[in-house]
Amino acid sequence: MIQTGIVHALAACPKAPPGMDAYQGTITGWVQWAVLGLISIGVIVGIGAIVAGRVFSMPHASKVGIISIVVVFLCAVAYMVLPAMVHGITKC
């Protein structure tokens, strides 16, 4: 009986209420642009850390800048891949 309830709960796909399509698209677009902006800011800060580390002879700052750019790159890849994976798993 519990297994049947779990199967029914997993089979339900979340859907927006009627009339929410326009708002849902607008909010989704805003979130995507905000994330893209944060990724851009992360790259700029990483490049700034590398340049500052080279100019002021601070090797640790340069290393942190390189690490931050790598982390931002991995986050950008996850930003593109994870939604497709979730959609493939849930098949909604």
PDB file of N, CA and C in Angstrom:
ATOM      1  N   MET A   1       0.816  -1.179   0.000  1.00  0.00           N
ATOM      2  CA  MET A   1       0.000   0.000   0.000  1.00  0.00           C
ATOM      3  C   MET A   1       0.871   1.258   0.000  1.00  0.00           C
ATOM      4  N   ILE A   2       1.938   1.271   0.776  1.00  0.00           N
ATOM      5  CA  ILE A   2       2.834   2.423   0.799  1.00  0.00           C
ATOM      6  C   ILE A   2       3.556   2.544  -0.539  1.00  0.00           C
ATOM      7  N   GLN A   3       3.954   1.403  -1.107  1.00  0.00           N
ATOM      8  CA  GLN A   3       4.646   1.446  -2.391  1.00  0.00           C
ATOM      9  C   GLN A   3       3.745   2.005  -3.480  1.00  0.00           C
ATOM     10  N   THR A   4       2.466   1.695  -3.446  1.00  0.00           N
ATOM     11  CA  THR A   4       1.536   2.221  -4.445  1.00  0.00           C
ATOM     12  C   THR A   4       1.429   3.732  -4.330  1.00  0.00           C
ATOM     13  N   GLY A   5       1.389   4.250  -3.101  1.00  0.00           N
ATOM     14  CA  GLY A   5       1.325   5.697  -2.901  1.00  0.00           C
ATOM     15  C   GLY A   5       2.581   6.394  -3.385  1.00  0.00           C
ATOM     16  N   ILE A   6       3.731   5.770  -3.159  1.00  0.00           N
ATOM     17  CA  ILE A   6       4.994   6.353  -3.625  1.00  0.00           C
ATOM     18  C   ILE A   6       5.029   6.364  -5.142  1.00  0.00           C
ATOM     19  N   VAL A   7       4.577   5.295  -5.779  1.00  0.00           N
ATOM     20  CA  VAL A   7       4.567   5.229  -7.240  1.00  0.00           C
ATOM     21  C   VAL A   7       3.656   6.310  -7.802  1.00  0.00           C
ATOM     22  N   HIS A   8       2.502   6.523  -7.202  1.00  0.00           N
ATOM     23  CA  HIS A   8       1.584   7.563  -7.679  1.00  0.00           C
ATOM     24  C   HIS A   8       2.180   8.958  -7.460  1.00  0.00           C
ATOM     25  N   ALA A   9       2.871   9.148  -6.353  1.00  0.00           N
ATOM     26  CA  ALA A   9       3.492  10.450  -6.087  1.00  0.00           C
ATOM     27  C   ALA A   9       4.611  10.741  -7.080  1.00  0.00           C
ATOM     28  N   LEU A  10       5.382   9.721  -7.437  1.00  0.00           N
ATOM     29  CA  LEU A  10       6.459   9.916  -8.397  1.00  0.00           C
ATOM     30  C   LEU A  10       5.945  10.085  -9.817  1.00  0.00           C
ATOM     31  N   ALA A  11       4.762   9.569 -10.113  1.00  0.00           N
ATOM     32  CA  ALA A  11       4.210   9.668 -11.461  1.00  0.00           C
ATOM     33  C   ALA A  11       3.598  11.032 -11.745  1.00  0.00           C
ATOM     34  N   ALA A  12       3.331  11.822 -10.726  1.00  0.00           N
ATOM     35  CA  ALA A  12       2.701  13.132 -10.920  1.00  0.00           C
ATOM     36  C   ALA A  12       3.734  14.142 -11.397  1.00  0.00           C
ATOM     37  N   CYS A  13       3.431  14.809 -12.496  1.00  0.00           N
ATOM     38  CA  CYS A  13       4.308  15.849 -13.026  1.00  0.00           C
ATOM     39  C   CYS A  13       3.796  17.213 -12.577  1.00  0.00           C
ATOM     40  N   PRO A  14       4.680  18.050 -12.059  1.00  0.00           N
ATOM     41  CA  PRO A  14       4.223  19.375 -11.633  1.00  0.00           C
ATOM     42  C   PRO A  14       3.860  20.232 -12.838  1.00  0.00           C
ATOM     43  N   LYS A  15       2.727  20.891 -12.775  1.00  0.00           N
ATOM     44  CA  LYS A  15       2.281  21.758 -13.863  1.00  0.00           C
ATOM     45  C   LYS A  15       1.837  23.081 -13.276  1.00  0.00           C
ATOM     46  N   ALA A  16       2.085  24.131 -14.027  1.00  0.00           N
ATOM     47  CA  ALA A  16       1.673  25.459 -13.588  1.00  0.00           C
ATOM     48  C   ALA A  16       0.157  25.591 -13.714  1.00  0.00           C
ATOM     49  N   PRO A  17      -0.451  26.406 -12.870  1.00  0.00           N
ATOM     50  CA  PRO A  17      -1.895  26.634 -12.977  1.00  0.00           C
ATOM     51  C   PRO A  17      -2.240  27.302 -14.311  1.00  0.00           C
ATOM     52  N   PRO A  18      -3.476  27.178 -14.749  1.00  0.00           N
ATOM     53  CA  PRO A  18      -3.863  27.806 -16.013  1.00  0.00           C
ATOM     54  C   PRO A  18      -3.647  29.318 -15.971  1.00  0.00           C
ATOM     55  N   GLY A  19      -3.132  29.865 -17.063  1.00  0.00           N
ATOM     56  CA  GLY A  19      -2.896  31.296 -17.166  1.00  0.00           C
ATOM     57  C   GLY A  19      -1.546  31.752 -16.641  1.00  0.00           C
ATOM     58  N   MET A  20      -0.733  30.845 -16.144  1.00  0.00           N
ATOM     59  CA  MET A  20       0.564  31.215 -15.565  1.00  0.00           C
ATOM     60  C   MET A  20       1.712  31.083 -16.559  1.00  0.00           C
ATOM     61  N   ASP A  21       1.438  30.669 -17.778  1.00  0.00           N
ATOM     62  CA  ASP A  21       2.509  30.433 -18.741  1.00  0.00           C
ATOM     63  C   ASP A  21       3.331  31.686 -19.013  1.00  0.00           C
ATOM     64  N   ALA A  22       2.670  32.819 -19.186  1.00  0.00           N
ATOM     65  CA  ALA A  22       3.398  34.058 -19.482  1.00  0.00           C
ATOM     66  C   ALA A  22       4.281  34.465 -18.302  1.00  0.00           C
ATOM     67  N   TYR A  23       3.740  34.385 -17.091  1.00  0.00           N
ATOM     68  CA  TYR A  23       4.518  34.753 -15.905  1.00  0.00           C
ATOM     69  C   TYR A  23       5.672  33.786 -15.675  1.00  0.00           C
ATOM     70  N   GLN A  24       5.397  32.515 -15.907  1.00  0.00           N
ATOM     71  CA  GLN A  24       6.422  31.502 -15.711  1.00  0.00           C
ATOM     72  C   GLN A  24       7.583  31.729 -16.677  1.00  0.00           C
ATOM     73  N   GLY A  25       7.282  32.038 -17.923  1.00  0.00           N
ATOM     74  CA  GLY A  25       8.335  32.308 -18.899  1.00  0.00           C
ATOM     75  C   GLY A  25       9.130  33.554 -18.552  1.00  0.00           C
ATOM     76  N   THR A  26       8.444  34.586 -18.063  1.00  0.00           N
ATOM     77  CA  THR A  26       9.130  35.823 -17.687  1.00  0.00           C
ATOM     78  C   THR A  26      10.072  35.600 -16.517  1.00  0.00           C
ATOM     79  N   ILE A  27       9.595  34.922 -15.486  1.00  0.00           N
ATOM     80  CA  ILE A  27      10.424  34.678 -14.304  1.00  0.00           C
ATOM     81  C   ILE A  27      11.601  33.768 -14.655  1.00  0.00           C
ATOM     82  N   THR A  28      11.351  32.751 -15.456  1.00  0.00           N
ATOM     83  CA  THR A  28      12.435  31.859 -15.868  1.00  0.00           C
ATOM     84  C   THR A  28      13.497  32.628 -16.652  1.00  0.00           C
ATOM     85  N   GLY A  29      13.056  33.518 -17.531  1.00  0.00           N
ATOM     86  CA  GLY A  29      14.005  34.327 -18.289  1.00  0.00           C
ATOM     87  C   GLY A  29      14.830  35.235 -17.396  1.00  0.00           C
ATOM     88  N   TRP A  30      14.187  35.853 -16.410  1.00  0.00           N
ATOM     89  CA  TRP A  30      14.921  36.713 -15.475  1.00  0.00           C
ATOM     90  C   TRP A  30      15.967  35.928 -14.700  1.00  0.00           C
ATOM     91  N   VAL A  31      15.590  34.739 -14.246  1.00  0.00           N
ATOM     92  CA  VAL A  31      16.535  33.918 -13.478  1.00  0.00           C
ATOM     93  C   VAL A  31      17.715  33.504 -14.354  1.00  0.00           C
ATOM     94  N   GLN A  32      17.446  33.138 -15.600  1.00  0.00           N
ATOM     95  CA  GLN A  32      18.533  32.734 -16.489  1.00  0.00           C
ATOM     96  C   GLN A  32      19.484  33.895 -16.761  1.00  0.00           C
ATOM     97  N   TRP A  33      18.955  35.095 -16.965  1.00  0.00           N
ATOM     98  CA  TRP A  33      19.815  36.255 -17.188  1.00  0.00           C
ATOM     99  C   TRP A  33      20.596  36.602 -15.928  1.00  0.00           C
ATOM    100  N   ALA A  34      19.982  36.447 -14.764  1.00  0.00           N
ATOM    101  CA  ALA A  34      20.684  36.726 -13.509  1.00  0.00           C
ATOM    102  C   ALA A  34      21.848  35.759 -13.305  1.00  0.00           C
ATOM    103  N   VAL A  35      21.620  34.493 -13.596  1.00  0.00           N
ATOM    104  CA  VAL A  35      22.692  33.501 -13.457  1.00  0.00           C
ATOM    105  C   VAL A  35      23.807  33.785 -14.455  1.00  0.00           C
ATOM    106  N   LEU A  36      23.448  34.148 -15.674  1.00  0.00           N
ATOM    107  CA  LEU A  36      24.466  34.497 -16.665  1.00  0.00           C
ATOM    108  C   LEU A  36      25.275  35.710 -16.211  1.00  0.00           C
ATOM    109  N   GLY A  37      24.609  36.688 -15.605  1.00  0.00           N
ATOM    110  CA  GLY A  37      25.316  37.847 -15.068  1.00  0.00           C
ATOM    111  C   GLY A  37      26.267  37.469 -13.944  1.00  0.00           C
ATOM    112  N   LEU A  38      25.823  36.581 -13.056  1.00  0.00           N
ATOM    113  CA  LEU A  38      26.692  36.134 -11.957  1.00  0.00           C
ATOM    114  C   LEU A  38      27.901  35.357 -12.473  1.00  0.00           C
ATOM    115  N   ILE A  39      27.700  34.563 -13.510  1.00  0.00           N
ATOM    116  CA  ILE A  39      28.825  33.842 -14.123  1.00  0.00           C
ATOM    117  C   ILE A  39      29.817  34.839 -14.708  1.00  0.00           C
ATOM    118  N   SER A  40      29.308  35.872 -15.379  1.00  0.00           N
ATOM    119  CA  SER A  40      30.187  36.895 -15.962  1.00  0.00           C
ATOM    120  C   SER A  40      30.966  37.636 -14.879  1.00  0.00           C
ATOM    121  N   ILE A  41      30.290  37.987 -13.803  1.00  0.00           N
ATOM    122  CA  ILE A  41      30.960  38.675 -12.692  1.00  0.00           C
ATOM    123  C   ILE A  41      32.038  37.775 -12.089  1.00  0.00           C
ATOM    124  N   GLY A  42      31.755  36.494 -11.962  1.00  0.00           N
ATOM    125  CA  GLY A  42      32.745  35.558 -11.432  1.00  0.00           C
ATOM    126  C   GLY A  42      33.992  35.480 -12.297  1.00  0.00           C
ATOM    127  N   VAL A  43      33.811  35.483 -13.613  1.00  0.00           N
ATOM    128  CA  VAL A  43      34.962  35.451 -14.526  1.00  0.00           C
ATOM    129  C   VAL A  43      35.760  36.743 -14.410  1.00  0.00           C
ATOM    130  N   ILE A  44      35.066  37.883 -14.356  1.00  0.00           N
ATOM    131  CA  ILE A  44      35.760  39.172 -14.252  1.00  0.00           C
ATOM    132  C   ILE A  44      36.551  39.253 -12.943  1.00  0.00           C
ATOM    133  N   VAL A  45      35.960  38.803 -11.844  1.00  0.00           N
ATOM    134  CA  VAL A  45      36.661  38.823 -10.551  1.00  0.00           C
ATOM    135  C   VAL A  45      37.873  37.886 -10.590  1.00  0.00           C
ATOM    136  N   GLY A  46      37.725  36.722 -11.218  1.00  0.00           N
ATOM    137  CA  GLY A  46      38.846  35.790 -11.329  1.00  0.00           C
ATOM    138  C   GLY A  46      39.991  36.373 -12.144  1.00  0.00           C
ATOM    139  N   ILE A  47      39.656  37.016 -13.259  1.00  0.00           N
ATOM    140  CA  ILE A  47      40.698  37.650 -14.079  1.00  0.00           C
ATOM    141  C   ILE A  47      41.358  38.791 -13.299  1.00  0.00           C
ATOM    142  N   GLY A  48      40.551  39.548 -12.562  1.00  0.00           N
ATOM    143  CA  GLY A  48      41.110  40.620 -11.736  1.00  0.00           C
ATOM    144  C   GLY A  48      42.058  40.088 -10.676  1.00  0.00           C
ATOM    145  N   ALA A  49      41.726  38.954 -10.076  1.00  0.00           N
ATOM    146  CA  ALA A  49      42.614  38.360  -9.068  1.00  0.00           C
ATOM    147  C   ALA A  49      43.922  37.895  -9.696  1.00  0.00           C
ATOM    148  N   ILE A  50      43.847  37.335 -10.901  1.00  0.00           N
ATOM    149  CA  ILE A  50      45.074  36.899 -11.585  1.00  0.00           C
ATOM    150  C   ILE A  50      45.957  38.101 -11.904  1.00  0.00           C
ATOM    151  N   VAL A  51      45.359  39.147 -12.456  1.00  0.00           N
ATOM    152  CA  VAL A  51      46.132  40.347 -12.821  1.00  0.00           C
ATOM    153  C   VAL A  51      46.722  41.003 -11.577  1.00  0.00           C
ATOM    154  N   ALA A  52      45.910  41.147 -10.519  1.00  0.00           N
ATOM    155  CA  ALA A  52      46.417  41.753  -9.289  1.00  0.00           C
ATOM    156  C   ALA A  52      47.538  40.911  -8.681  1.00  0.00           C
ATOM    157  N   GLY A  53      47.412  39.618  -8.759  1.00  0.00           N
ATOM    158  CA  GLY A  53      48.459  38.748  -8.228  1.00  0.00           C
ATOM    159  C   GLY A  53      49.757  38.880  -8.989  1.00  0.00           C
ATOM    160  N   ARG A  54      49.661  39.063 -10.299  1.00  0.00           N
ATOM    161  CA  ARG A  54      50.875  39.237 -11.105  1.00  0.00           C
ATOM    162  C   ARG A  54      51.489  40.616 -10.898  1.00  0.00           C
ATOM    163  N   VAL A  55      50.656  41.636 -10.857  1.00  0.00           N
ATOM    164  CA  VAL A  55      51.158  43.007 -10.728  1.00  0.00           C
ATOM    165  C   VAL A  55      51.803  43.237  -9.360  1.00  0.00           C
ATOM    166  N   PHE A  56      51.161  42.760  -8.305  1.00  0.00           N
ATOM    167  CA  PHE A  56      51.652  43.012  -6.950  1.00  0.00           C
ATOM    168  C   PHE A  56      52.487  41.853  -6.392  1.00  0.00           C
ATOM    169  N   SER A  57      52.895  40.935  -7.233  1.00  0.00           N
ATOM    170  CA  SER A  57      53.730  39.786  -6.853  1.00  0.00           C
ATOM    171  C   SER A  57      53.125  38.986  -5.704  1.00  0.00           C
ATOM    172  N   MET A  58      51.847  38.654  -5.853  1.00  0.00           N
ATOM    173  CA  MET A  58      51.154  37.829  -4.856  1.00  0.00           C
ATOM    174  C   MET A  58      50.720  36.525  -5.537  1.00  0.00           C
ATOM    175  N   PRO A  59      51.551  35.485  -5.461  1.00  0.00           N
ATOM    176  CA  PRO A  59      51.227  34.245  -6.171  1.00  0.00           C
ATOM    177  C   PRO A  59      49.949  33.569  -5.671  1.00  0.00           C
ATOM    178  N   HIS A  60      49.618  33.753  -4.395  1.00  0.00           N
ATOM    179  CA  HIS A  60      48.400  33.124  -3.872  1.00  0.00           C
ATOM    180  C   HIS A  60      47.146  33.750  -4.487  1.00  0.00           C
ATOM    181  N   ALA A  61      47.202  35.047  -4.731  1.00  0.00           N
ATOM    182  CA  ALA A  61      46.060  35.712  -5.371  1.00  0.00           C
ATOM    183  C   ALA A  61      45.877  35.194  -6.795  1.00  0.00           C
ATOM    184  N   SER A  62      46.982  34.971  -7.491  1.00  0.00           N
ATOM    185  CA  SER A  62      46.886  34.424  -8.851  1.00  0.00           C
ATOM    186  C   SER A  62      46.308  33.015  -8.830  1.00  0.00           C
ATOM    187  N   LYS A  63      46.740  32.213  -7.864  1.00  0.00           N
ATOM    188  CA  LYS A  63      46.210  30.848  -7.764  1.00  0.00           C
ATOM    189  C   LYS A  63      44.716  30.860  -7.461  1.00  0.00           C
ATOM    190  N   VAL A  64      44.301  31.739  -6.567  1.00  0.00           N
ATOM    191  CA  VAL A  64      42.876  31.843  -6.240  1.00  0.00           C
ATOM    192  C   VAL A  64      42.088  32.299  -7.462  1.00  0.00           C
ATOM    193  N   GLY A  65      42.645  33.212  -8.248  1.00  0.00           N
ATOM    194  CA  GLY A  65      41.978  33.662  -9.469  1.00  0.00           C
ATOM    195  C   GLY A  65      41.792  32.534 -10.467  1.00  0.00           C
ATOM    196  N   ILE A  66      42.824  31.717 -10.639  1.00  0.00           N
ATOM    197  CA  ILE A  66      42.722  30.578 -11.563  1.00  0.00           C
ATOM    198  C   ILE A  66      41.697  29.573 -11.050  1.00  0.00           C
ATOM    199  N   ILE A  67      41.729  29.299  -9.755  1.00  0.00           N
ATOM    200  CA  ILE A  67      40.766  28.358  -9.178  1.00  0.00           C
ATOM    201  C   ILE A  67      39.347  28.890  -9.326  1.00  0.00           C
ATOM    202  N   SER A  68      39.157  30.180  -9.121  1.00  0.00           N
ATOM    203  CA  SER A  68      37.805  30.740  -9.241  1.00  0.00           C
ATOM    204  C   SER A  68      37.291  30.660 -10.672  1.00  0.00           C
ATOM    205  N   ILE A  69      38.161  30.872 -11.650  1.00  0.00           N
ATOM    206  CA  ILE A  69      37.725  30.751 -13.043  1.00  0.00           C
ATOM    207  C   ILE A  69      37.354  29.306 -13.365  1.00  0.00           C
ATOM    208  N   VAL A  70      38.120  28.348 -12.842  1.00  0.00           N
ATOM    209  CA  VAL A  70      37.792  26.934 -13.065  1.00  0.00           C
ATOM    210  C   VAL A  70      36.453  26.588 -12.420  1.00  0.00           C
ATOM    211  N   VAL A  71      36.215  27.079 -11.205  1.00  0.00           N
ATOM    212  CA  VAL A  71      34.950  26.803 -10.520  1.00  0.00           C
ATOM    213  C   VAL A  71      33.781  27.432 -11.277  1.00  0.00           C
ATOM    214  N   VAL A  72      33.962  28.655 -11.761  1.00  0.00           N
ATOM    215  CA  VAL A  72      32.905  29.306 -12.541  1.00  0.00           C
ATOM    216  C   VAL A  72      32.633  28.519 -13.822  1.00  0.00           C
ATOM    217  N   PHE A  73      33.689  28.021 -14.466  1.00  0.00           N
ATOM    218  CA  PHE A  73      33.504  27.210 -15.672  1.00  0.00           C
ATOM    219  C   PHE A  73      32.723  25.936 -15.359  1.00  0.00           C
ATOM    220  N   LEU A  74      33.052  25.269 -14.266  1.00  0.00           N
ATOM    221  CA  LEU A  74      32.321  24.052 -13.892  1.00  0.00           C
ATOM    222  C   LEU A  74      30.865  24.365 -13.567  1.00  0.00           C
ATOM    223  N   CYS A  75      30.627  25.497 -12.920  1.00  0.00           N
ATOM    224  CA  CYS A  75      29.242  25.903 -12.635  1.00  0.00           C
ATOM    225  C   CYS A  75      28.484  26.212 -13.921  1.00  0.00           C
ATOM    226  N   ALA A  76      29.155  26.818 -14.889  1.00  0.00           N
ATOM    227  CA  ALA A  76      28.507  27.107 -16.174  1.00  0.00           C
ATOM    228  C   ALA A  76      28.151  25.816 -16.908  1.00  0.00           C
ATOM    229  N   VAL A  77      29.029  24.828 -16.845  1.00  0.00           N
ATOM    230  CA  VAL A  77      28.729  23.529 -17.454  1.00  0.00           C
ATOM    231  C   VAL A  77      27.546  22.882 -16.742  1.00  0.00           C
ATOM    232  N   ALA A  78      27.542  22.930 -15.411  1.00  0.00           N
ATOM    233  CA  ALA A  78      26.426  22.360 -14.648  1.00  0.00           C
ATOM    234  C   ALA A  78      25.129  23.099 -14.951  1.00  0.00           C
ATOM    235  N   TYR A  79      25.213  24.413 -15.161  1.00  0.00           N
ATOM    236  CA  TYR A  79      24.035  25.232 -15.499  1.00  0.00           C
ATOM    237  C   TYR A  79      23.405  24.767 -16.812  1.00  0.00           C
ATOM    238  N   MET A  80      24.231  24.258 -17.711  1.00  0.00           N
ATOM    239  CA  MET A  80      23.707  23.792 -18.987  1.00  0.00           C
ATOM    240  C   MET A  80      23.283  22.319 -18.949  1.00  0.00           C
ATOM    241  N   VAL A  81      23.954  21.505 -18.153  1.00  0.00           N
ATOM    242  CA  VAL A  81      23.744  20.061 -18.190  1.00  0.00           C
ATOM    243  C   VAL A  81      22.671  19.584 -17.207  1.00  0.00           C
ATOM    244  N   LEU A  82      22.675  20.109 -15.987  1.00  0.00           N
ATOM    245  CA  LEU A  82      21.785  19.585 -14.951  1.00  0.00           C
ATOM    246  C   LEU A  82      20.295  19.708 -15.273  1.00  0.00           C
ATOM    247  N   PRO A  83      19.806  20.815 -15.832  1.00  0.00           N
ATOM    248  CA  PRO A  83      18.373  20.848 -16.161  1.00  0.00           C
ATOM    249  C   PRO A  83      17.965  19.770 -17.171  1.00  0.00           C
ATOM    250  N   ALA A  84      18.831  19.492 -18.135  1.00  0.00           N
ATOM    251  CA  ALA A  84      18.527  18.434 -19.108  1.00  0.00           C
ATOM    252  C   ALA A  84      18.524  17.063 -18.445  1.00  0.00           C
ATOM    253  N   MET A  85      19.425  16.855 -17.487  1.00  0.00           N
ATOM    254  CA  MET A  85      19.445  15.575 -16.766  1.00  0.00           C
ATOM    255  C   MET A  85      18.178  15.395 -15.939  1.00  0.00           C
ATOM    256  N   VAL A  86      17.768  16.441 -15.234  1.00  0.00           N
ATOM    257  CA  VAL A  86      16.553  16.342 -14.417  1.00  0.00           C
ATOM    258  C   VAL A  86      15.342  16.104 -15.310  1.00  0.00           C
ATOM    259  N   HIS A  87      15.293  16.793 -16.442  1.00  0.00           N
ATOM    260  CA  HIS A  87      14.170  16.596 -17.355  1.00  0.00           C
ATOM    261  C   HIS A  87      14.155  15.171 -17.913  1.00  0.00           C
ATOM    262  N   GLY A  88      15.345  14.627 -18.202  1.00  0.00           N
ATOM    263  CA  GLY A  88      15.413  13.253 -18.704  1.00  0.00           C
ATOM    264  C   GLY A  88      15.015  12.228 -17.666  1.00  0.00           C
ATOM    265  N   ILE A  89      15.322  12.494 -16.405  1.00  0.00           N
ATOM    266  CA  ILE A  89      14.989  11.549 -15.348  1.00  0.00           C
ATOM    267  C   ILE A  89      13.490  11.592 -15.034  1.00  0.00           C
ATOM    268  N   THR A  90      12.939  12.803 -14.933  1.00  0.00           N
ATOM    269  CA  THR A  90      11.527  12.915 -14.554  1.00  0.00           C
ATOM    270  C   THR A  90      10.590  12.685 -15.733  1.00  0.00           C
ATOM    271  N   LYS A  91      11.039  12.961 -16.935  1.00  0.00           N
ATOM    272  CA  LYS A  91      10.265  12.770 -18.177  1.00  0.00           C
ATOM    273  C   LYS A  91       8.900  13.465 -18.102  1.00  0.00           C
ATOM    274  N   CYS A  92       8.901  14.662 -17.576  1.00  0.00           N
ATOM    275  CA  CYS A  92       7.652  15.425 -17.496  1.00  0.00           C
ATOM    276  C   CYS A  92       7.529  16.344 -18.690  1.00  0.00           C
TER     277      CYS A  92
END
